[in-house]
């Protein structure tokens, strides 16, 4: 069963960097995918990856992480830039969304300006091929 946790930024905003990272890793180690409202600072993302690498073992294989920045689409116009700037002041430059999941469950996170796709692995370990099957040459 796929488990997804929504984590409002207010739940981690008063924590220090290390406590934030520990809270996130504890949720991910429980085989849950986190949708974090907002985003971590770049230094915190770097530290999260560093701590994750130190904690990899036979049960925990690491994380997949993607950050979505909303300003790309509305930043094209003057009004969009103004809106984005005001929102940045109010939210403390935390606009966006972060998706973090265990590498044993999350196969890939694809994003473009209009979409986000979260591809997961099947729990039985089988690989799933999408599209046409390869044609075997040989006897008929």
N, C-alpha and C. Protein backbone atom coordinates (compact mmCIF):
# COMPACT_ATOMS: atom_id res chain seq x y z
N UNK A 1 0.84 -1.17 0.00
CA UNK A 1 0.00 0.00 0.00
C UNK A 1 0.89 1.25 0.00
N UNK A 2 0.56 2.18 -0.84
CA UNK A 2 1.29 3.44 -0.94
C UNK A 2 0.77 4.41 0.11
N UNK A 3 1.69 4.97 0.91
CA UNK A 3 1.30 5.92 1.96
C UNK A 3 1.91 7.27 1.65
N UNK A 4 1.07 8.31 1.67
CA UNK A 4 1.51 9.67 1.38
C UNK A 4 1.15 10.55 2.57
N UNK A 5 2.12 11.33 3.05
CA UNK A 5 1.90 12.27 4.14
C UNK A 5 2.00 13.69 3.61
N UNK A 6 1.01 14.51 3.93
CA UNK A 6 1.11 15.94 3.66
C UNK A 6 1.70 16.57 4.91
N UNK A 7 2.79 17.31 4.74
CA UNK A 7 3.46 17.94 5.88
C UNK A 7 3.43 19.45 5.70
N UNK A 8 2.56 20.13 6.46
CA UNK A 8 2.53 21.59 6.34
C UNK A 8 3.85 22.18 6.85
N UNK A 9 4.31 23.22 6.22
CA UNK A 9 5.58 23.81 6.63
C UNK A 9 5.52 24.31 8.08
N UNK A 10 4.34 24.72 8.53
CA UNK A 10 4.20 25.21 9.91
C UNK A 10 4.59 24.15 10.93
N UNK A 11 4.52 22.88 10.54
CA UNK A 11 4.87 21.79 11.45
C UNK A 11 6.38 21.67 11.67
N UNK A 12 7.17 22.22 10.75
CA UNK A 12 8.62 22.12 10.89
C UNK A 12 9.32 23.49 10.95
N UNK A 13 8.58 24.57 10.80
CA UNK A 13 9.23 25.88 10.70
C UNK A 13 9.95 26.31 11.97
N UNK A 14 9.51 25.87 13.13
CA UNK A 14 10.16 26.26 14.38
C UNK A 14 11.27 25.31 14.80
N UNK A 15 11.53 24.29 14.00
CA UNK A 15 12.60 23.34 14.30
C UNK A 15 13.91 23.84 13.70
N UNK A 16 15.01 23.43 14.30
CA UNK A 16 16.32 23.72 13.72
C UNK A 16 16.55 22.82 12.52
N UNK A 17 17.59 23.10 11.78
CA UNK A 17 17.88 22.34 10.56
C UNK A 17 17.98 20.85 10.85
N UNK A 18 18.74 20.47 11.86
CA UNK A 18 18.95 19.05 12.16
C UNK A 18 17.64 18.36 12.55
N UNK A 19 16.81 19.03 13.39
CA UNK A 19 15.53 18.45 13.79
C UNK A 19 14.58 18.32 12.60
N UNK A 20 14.61 19.29 11.69
CA UNK A 20 13.79 19.23 10.47
C UNK A 20 14.16 18.00 9.65
N UNK A 21 15.46 17.83 9.45
CA UNK A 21 15.95 16.71 8.64
C UNK A 21 15.59 15.39 9.30
N UNK A 22 15.75 15.30 10.62
CA UNK A 22 15.42 14.06 11.34
C UNK A 22 13.93 13.74 11.22
N UNK A 23 13.09 14.75 11.35
CA UNK A 23 11.64 14.53 11.24
C UNK A 23 11.29 14.00 9.84
N UNK A 24 11.85 14.62 8.82
CA UNK A 24 11.60 14.20 7.44
C UNK A 24 12.10 12.78 7.22
N UNK A 25 13.32 12.49 7.65
CA UNK A 25 13.89 11.15 7.44
C UNK A 25 13.12 10.08 8.21
N UNK A 26 12.64 10.40 9.40
CA UNK A 26 11.85 9.41 10.16
C UNK A 26 10.56 9.04 9.42
N UNK A 27 9.93 10.03 8.80
CA UNK A 27 8.71 9.74 8.03
C UNK A 27 9.05 8.90 6.80
N UNK A 28 10.11 9.27 6.09
CA UNK A 28 10.50 8.55 4.88
C UNK A 28 10.95 7.13 5.21
N UNK A 29 11.66 6.96 6.33
CA UNK A 29 12.11 5.62 6.73
C UNK A 29 10.93 4.72 7.09
N UNK A 30 9.78 5.33 7.39
CA UNK A 30 8.56 4.58 7.67
C UNK A 30 7.83 4.23 6.36
N UNK A 31 8.55 4.34 5.25
CA UNK A 31 8.06 3.99 3.91
C UNK A 31 6.85 4.83 3.49
N UNK A 32 6.98 6.12 3.73
CA UNK A 32 5.94 7.07 3.35
C UNK A 32 6.53 8.13 2.43
N UNK A 33 5.72 8.62 1.54
CA UNK A 33 6.11 9.72 0.65
C UNK A 33 5.59 11.00 1.28
N UNK A 34 6.45 12.02 1.34
CA UNK A 34 6.09 13.30 1.94
C UNK A 34 5.81 14.31 0.85
N UNK A 35 4.70 15.02 0.99
CA UNK A 35 4.44 16.20 0.19
C UNK A 35 4.55 17.36 1.17
N UNK A 36 5.65 18.09 1.07
CA UNK A 36 5.95 19.19 1.98
C UNK A 36 5.45 20.49 1.38
N UNK A 37 4.61 21.17 2.14
CA UNK A 37 4.17 22.49 1.73
C UNK A 37 5.37 23.43 1.82
N UNK A 38 5.72 24.06 0.74
CA UNK A 38 6.89 24.92 0.73
C UNK A 38 8.13 24.14 0.38
N UNK A 39 9.26 24.70 0.70
CA UNK A 39 10.51 24.03 0.38
C UNK A 39 11.55 24.33 1.45
N UNK A 40 12.54 23.48 1.48
CA UNK A 40 13.66 23.68 2.38
C UNK A 40 14.62 24.69 1.76
N UNK A 41 15.46 25.29 2.60
CA UNK A 41 16.53 26.13 2.06
C UNK A 41 17.51 25.23 1.32
N UNK A 42 18.23 25.78 0.40
CA UNK A 42 19.19 24.98 -0.38
C UNK A 42 20.21 24.30 0.53
N UNK A 43 20.64 24.99 1.58
CA UNK A 43 21.59 24.40 2.52
C UNK A 43 20.96 23.21 3.25
N UNK A 44 19.66 23.33 3.55
CA UNK A 44 18.96 22.24 4.24
C UNK A 44 18.79 21.04 3.31
N UNK A 45 18.53 21.30 2.03
CA UNK A 45 18.44 20.19 1.06
C UNK A 45 19.77 19.47 0.98
N UNK A 46 20.85 20.23 0.92
CA UNK A 46 22.19 19.64 0.87
C UNK A 46 22.45 18.81 2.12
N UNK A 47 22.10 19.34 3.28
CA UNK A 47 22.31 18.61 4.54
C UNK A 47 21.43 17.36 4.61
N UNK A 48 20.20 17.46 4.09
CA UNK A 48 19.31 16.29 4.05
C UNK A 48 19.94 15.17 3.23
N UNK A 49 20.49 15.51 2.10
CA UNK A 49 21.13 14.50 1.24
C UNK A 49 22.36 13.92 1.94
N UNK A 50 23.14 14.78 2.60
CA UNK A 50 24.33 14.33 3.31
C UNK A 50 23.98 13.35 4.44
N UNK A 51 22.98 13.71 5.25
CA UNK A 51 22.57 12.84 6.36
C UNK A 51 21.97 11.54 5.82
N UNK A 52 21.21 11.64 4.74
CA UNK A 52 20.63 10.44 4.12
C UNK A 52 21.73 9.47 3.70
N UNK A 53 22.77 9.98 3.07
CA UNK A 53 23.87 9.13 2.62
C UNK A 53 24.54 8.41 3.79
N UNK A 54 24.62 9.08 4.93
CA UNK A 54 25.23 8.49 6.12
C UNK A 54 24.35 7.39 6.73
N UNK A 55 23.05 7.47 6.51
CA UNK A 55 22.13 6.54 7.14
C UNK A 55 21.71 5.37 6.25
N UNK A 56 22.27 5.30 5.06
CA UNK A 56 21.93 4.19 4.15
C UNK A 56 22.44 2.88 4.74
N UNK A 57 21.55 1.88 4.74
CA UNK A 57 21.92 0.53 5.17
C UNK A 57 21.07 -0.47 4.38
N UNK A 58 21.03 -1.73 4.81
CA UNK A 58 20.30 -2.72 4.03
C UNK A 58 18.79 -2.48 4.02
N UNK A 59 18.26 -1.77 5.01
CA UNK A 59 16.82 -1.49 5.06
C UNK A 59 16.43 -0.13 4.46
N UNK A 60 17.36 0.80 4.49
CA UNK A 60 17.09 2.15 3.99
C UNK A 60 18.04 2.44 2.84
N UNK A 61 17.49 2.57 1.63
CA UNK A 61 18.31 2.70 0.41
C UNK A 61 18.47 4.15 -0.05
N UNK A 62 17.91 5.11 0.68
CA UNK A 62 18.05 6.51 0.30
C UNK A 62 16.71 7.15 -0.03
N UNK A 63 16.78 8.34 -0.63
CA UNK A 63 15.56 9.10 -0.94
C UNK A 63 15.57 9.58 -2.38
N UNK A 64 14.39 9.91 -2.86
CA UNK A 64 14.20 10.65 -4.10
C UNK A 64 13.57 11.97 -3.69
N UNK A 65 14.02 13.06 -4.30
CA UNK A 65 13.57 14.38 -3.89
C UNK A 65 13.31 15.24 -5.13
N UNK A 66 12.22 16.00 -5.11
CA UNK A 66 11.93 16.95 -6.19
C UNK A 66 11.32 18.20 -5.57
N UNK A 67 11.72 19.35 -6.08
CA UNK A 67 11.20 20.62 -5.61
C UNK A 67 10.52 21.31 -6.78
N UNK A 68 9.32 21.79 -6.55
CA UNK A 68 8.56 22.49 -7.57
C UNK A 68 8.52 23.96 -7.20
N UNK A 69 8.98 24.80 -8.11
CA UNK A 69 8.98 26.25 -7.90
C UNK A 69 7.85 26.87 -8.70
N UNK A 70 6.87 27.50 -8.05
CA UNK A 70 5.71 28.01 -8.77
C UNK A 70 5.95 29.28 -9.56
N UNK A 71 6.96 30.04 -9.24
CA UNK A 71 7.17 31.35 -9.85
C UNK A 71 7.47 31.34 -11.33
N UNK A 72 7.83 30.19 -11.87
CA UNK A 72 8.23 30.14 -13.27
C UNK A 72 7.13 30.58 -14.23
N UNK A 73 5.91 30.19 -13.95
CA UNK A 73 4.82 30.48 -14.89
C UNK A 73 4.28 31.88 -14.72
N UNK A 74 4.05 32.35 -13.47
CA UNK A 74 3.45 33.66 -13.31
C UNK A 74 4.50 34.77 -13.33
N UNK A 75 5.78 34.44 -13.37
CA UNK A 75 6.83 35.44 -13.36
C UNK A 75 7.07 36.10 -14.69
N UNK A 76 6.33 35.73 -15.71
CA UNK A 76 6.55 36.28 -17.04
C UNK A 76 6.06 37.72 -17.16
N UNK A 77 5.03 38.11 -16.43
CA UNK A 77 4.47 39.45 -16.54
C UNK A 77 4.90 40.29 -15.35
N UNK A 78 4.73 41.58 -15.48
CA UNK A 78 5.07 42.49 -14.38
C UNK A 78 4.20 42.21 -13.17
N UNK A 79 2.91 41.99 -13.40
CA UNK A 79 1.99 41.68 -12.30
C UNK A 79 2.38 40.35 -11.65
N UNK A 80 2.75 39.38 -12.46
CA UNK A 80 3.18 38.08 -11.93
C UNK A 80 4.43 38.21 -11.07
N UNK A 81 5.38 39.02 -11.53
CA UNK A 81 6.60 39.25 -10.75
C UNK A 81 6.29 39.93 -9.43
N UNK A 82 5.38 40.89 -9.46
CA UNK A 82 4.98 41.60 -8.24
C UNK A 82 4.31 40.63 -7.27
N UNK A 83 3.38 39.82 -7.78
CA UNK A 83 2.70 38.81 -6.95
C UNK A 83 3.70 37.85 -6.32
N UNK A 84 4.62 37.39 -7.13
CA UNK A 84 5.63 36.45 -6.66
C UNK A 84 6.50 37.08 -5.57
N UNK A 85 6.88 38.33 -5.77
CA UNK A 85 7.70 39.04 -4.79
C UNK A 85 6.99 39.24 -3.47
N UNK A 86 5.72 39.64 -3.52
CA UNK A 86 4.92 39.82 -2.31
C UNK A 86 4.73 38.49 -1.59
N UNK A 87 4.43 37.45 -2.33
CA UNK A 87 4.26 36.13 -1.72
C UNK A 87 5.56 35.68 -1.08
N UNK A 88 6.70 35.97 -1.70
CA UNK A 88 8.00 35.62 -1.13
C UNK A 88 8.25 36.34 0.18
N UNK A 89 7.85 37.61 0.25
CA UNK A 89 8.00 38.37 1.49
C UNK A 89 7.12 37.80 2.61
N UNK A 90 5.90 37.46 2.27
CA UNK A 90 4.95 36.94 3.26
C UNK A 90 5.35 35.54 3.72
N UNK A 91 5.69 34.67 2.78
CA UNK A 91 6.00 33.27 3.11
C UNK A 91 7.46 33.04 3.45
N UNK A 92 8.28 34.07 3.37
CA UNK A 92 9.69 33.88 3.68
C UNK A 92 10.41 33.09 2.61
N UNK A 93 10.06 33.32 1.37
CA UNK A 93 10.67 32.61 0.23
C UNK A 93 10.53 31.10 0.38
N UNK A 94 9.38 30.64 0.81
CA UNK A 94 9.10 29.22 0.98
C UNK A 94 8.11 28.71 -0.04
N UNK A 95 7.80 29.53 -1.04
CA UNK A 95 6.84 29.11 -2.05
C UNK A 95 7.30 27.84 -2.73
N UNK A 96 6.35 27.03 -3.09
CA UNK A 96 6.67 25.82 -3.81
C UNK A 96 6.17 24.59 -3.08
N UNK A 97 6.68 23.47 -3.50
CA UNK A 97 6.28 22.19 -2.92
C UNK A 97 7.47 21.25 -3.07
N UNK A 98 7.67 20.42 -2.05
CA UNK A 98 8.76 19.45 -2.08
C UNK A 98 8.18 18.06 -1.92
N UNK A 99 8.64 17.15 -2.74
CA UNK A 99 8.22 15.76 -2.64
C UNK A 99 9.46 14.94 -2.29
N UNK A 100 9.35 14.17 -1.21
CA UNK A 100 10.45 13.34 -0.75
C UNK A 100 9.91 11.94 -0.49
N UNK A 101 10.56 10.94 -1.05
CA UNK A 101 10.11 9.57 -0.85
C UNK A 101 11.28 8.61 -0.74
N UNK A 102 11.03 7.44 -0.16
CA UNK A 102 12.09 6.44 -0.06
C UNK A 102 12.44 5.88 -1.43
N UNK A 103 13.73 5.69 -1.68
CA UNK A 103 14.19 5.20 -2.98
C UNK A 103 13.69 3.79 -3.27
N UNK A 104 13.29 3.04 -2.24
CA UNK A 104 12.77 1.69 -2.46
C UNK A 104 11.35 1.73 -3.02
N UNK A 105 10.67 2.84 -2.89
CA UNK A 105 9.29 2.97 -3.37
C UNK A 105 9.21 3.89 -4.59
N UNK A 106 9.88 5.03 -4.53
CA UNK A 106 9.82 6.00 -5.61
C UNK A 106 10.86 5.66 -6.66
N UNK A 107 10.38 5.39 -7.85
CA UNK A 107 11.28 5.06 -8.95
C UNK A 107 11.83 6.34 -9.58
N UNK A 108 10.93 7.30 -9.80
CA UNK A 108 11.33 8.53 -10.48
C UNK A 108 10.28 9.60 -10.26
N UNK A 109 10.73 10.85 -10.17
CA UNK A 109 9.83 11.99 -10.10
C UNK A 109 10.13 12.85 -11.31
N UNK A 110 9.15 12.97 -12.21
CA UNK A 110 9.31 13.78 -13.42
C UNK A 110 8.52 15.06 -13.24
N UNK A 111 9.11 16.16 -13.65
CA UNK A 111 8.38 17.43 -13.55
C UNK A 111 8.65 18.30 -14.76
N UNK A 112 7.67 19.08 -15.09
CA UNK A 112 7.80 20.12 -16.09
C UNK A 112 6.93 21.27 -15.60
N UNK A 113 6.88 22.40 -16.29
CA UNK A 113 6.12 23.53 -15.76
C UNK A 113 4.64 23.24 -15.51
N UNK A 114 4.05 22.27 -16.19
CA UNK A 114 2.62 22.03 -16.06
C UNK A 114 2.24 20.75 -15.31
N UNK A 115 3.18 19.83 -15.13
CA UNK A 115 2.87 18.51 -14.57
C UNK A 115 3.92 18.05 -13.59
N UNK A 116 3.50 17.10 -12.76
CA UNK A 116 4.45 16.35 -11.96
C UNK A 116 3.99 14.90 -11.98
N UNK A 117 4.91 14.00 -12.23
CA UNK A 117 4.60 12.57 -12.25
C UNK A 117 5.45 11.88 -11.21
N UNK A 118 4.82 11.09 -10.37
CA UNK A 118 5.52 10.31 -9.37
C UNK A 118 5.38 8.85 -9.76
N UNK A 119 6.47 8.24 -10.18
CA UNK A 119 6.46 6.85 -10.62
C UNK A 119 6.97 5.99 -9.47
N UNK A 120 6.21 4.96 -9.12
CA UNK A 120 6.59 4.10 -8.01
C UNK A 120 6.96 2.71 -8.51
N UNK A 121 7.66 1.98 -7.67
CA UNK A 121 8.03 0.60 -7.99
C UNK A 121 6.95 -0.31 -7.44
N UNK A 122 6.76 -1.44 -8.09
CA UNK A 122 5.80 -2.41 -7.58
C UNK A 122 6.36 -3.06 -6.33
N UNK A 123 5.50 -3.35 -5.37
CA UNK A 123 5.97 -3.88 -4.09
C UNK A 123 6.52 -5.30 -4.18
N UNK A 124 6.15 -6.06 -5.21
CA UNK A 124 6.64 -7.43 -5.32
C UNK A 124 8.02 -7.50 -5.98
N UNK A 125 8.60 -6.34 -6.31
CA UNK A 125 9.94 -6.31 -6.87
C UNK A 125 10.00 -6.49 -8.38
N UNK A 126 8.87 -6.82 -9.01
CA UNK A 126 8.87 -6.98 -10.46
C UNK A 126 9.00 -5.63 -11.13
N UNK A 127 9.69 -5.64 -12.24
CA UNK A 127 9.78 -4.41 -13.02
C UNK A 127 8.60 -4.35 -13.94
N UNK A 128 8.08 -3.18 -14.12
CA UNK A 128 6.92 -3.01 -14.96
C UNK A 128 7.33 -2.27 -16.22
N UNK A 129 7.06 -2.88 -17.37
CA UNK A 129 7.38 -2.28 -18.65
C UNK A 129 6.13 -1.67 -19.24
N UNK A 130 6.23 -0.42 -19.59
CA UNK A 130 5.09 0.24 -20.22
C UNK A 130 5.36 0.36 -21.71
N UNK A 131 4.33 0.31 -22.49
CA UNK A 131 4.50 0.42 -23.93
C UNK A 131 4.57 -0.95 -24.58
N UNK A 132 5.16 -0.99 -25.78
CA UNK A 132 5.22 -2.24 -26.53
C UNK A 132 6.29 -3.17 -25.96
N UNK A 133 6.02 -4.44 -26.10
CA UNK A 133 7.00 -5.44 -25.68
C UNK A 133 8.01 -5.63 -26.80
N UNK A 134 9.27 -5.94 -26.46
CA UNK A 134 10.26 -6.17 -27.51
C UNK A 134 9.90 -7.40 -28.34
N UNK A 135 10.21 -7.36 -29.62
CA UNK A 135 9.93 -8.48 -30.51
C UNK A 135 11.13 -9.42 -30.47
N UNK A 136 10.86 -10.71 -30.21
CA UNK A 136 11.92 -11.70 -30.16
C UNK A 136 12.17 -12.21 -31.56
N UNK A 137 13.45 -12.28 -31.91
CA UNK A 137 13.81 -12.85 -33.22
C UNK A 137 14.14 -14.31 -33.04
N UNK A 138 13.95 -15.05 -34.06
CA UNK A 138 14.28 -16.48 -33.96
C UNK A 138 13.16 -17.32 -34.54
N UNK A 139 12.96 -18.50 -33.94
CA UNK A 139 11.94 -19.41 -34.45
C UNK A 139 10.55 -18.85 -34.33
N UNK A 140 9.71 -19.28 -35.25
CA UNK A 140 8.30 -18.86 -35.21
C UNK A 140 7.42 -20.06 -35.08
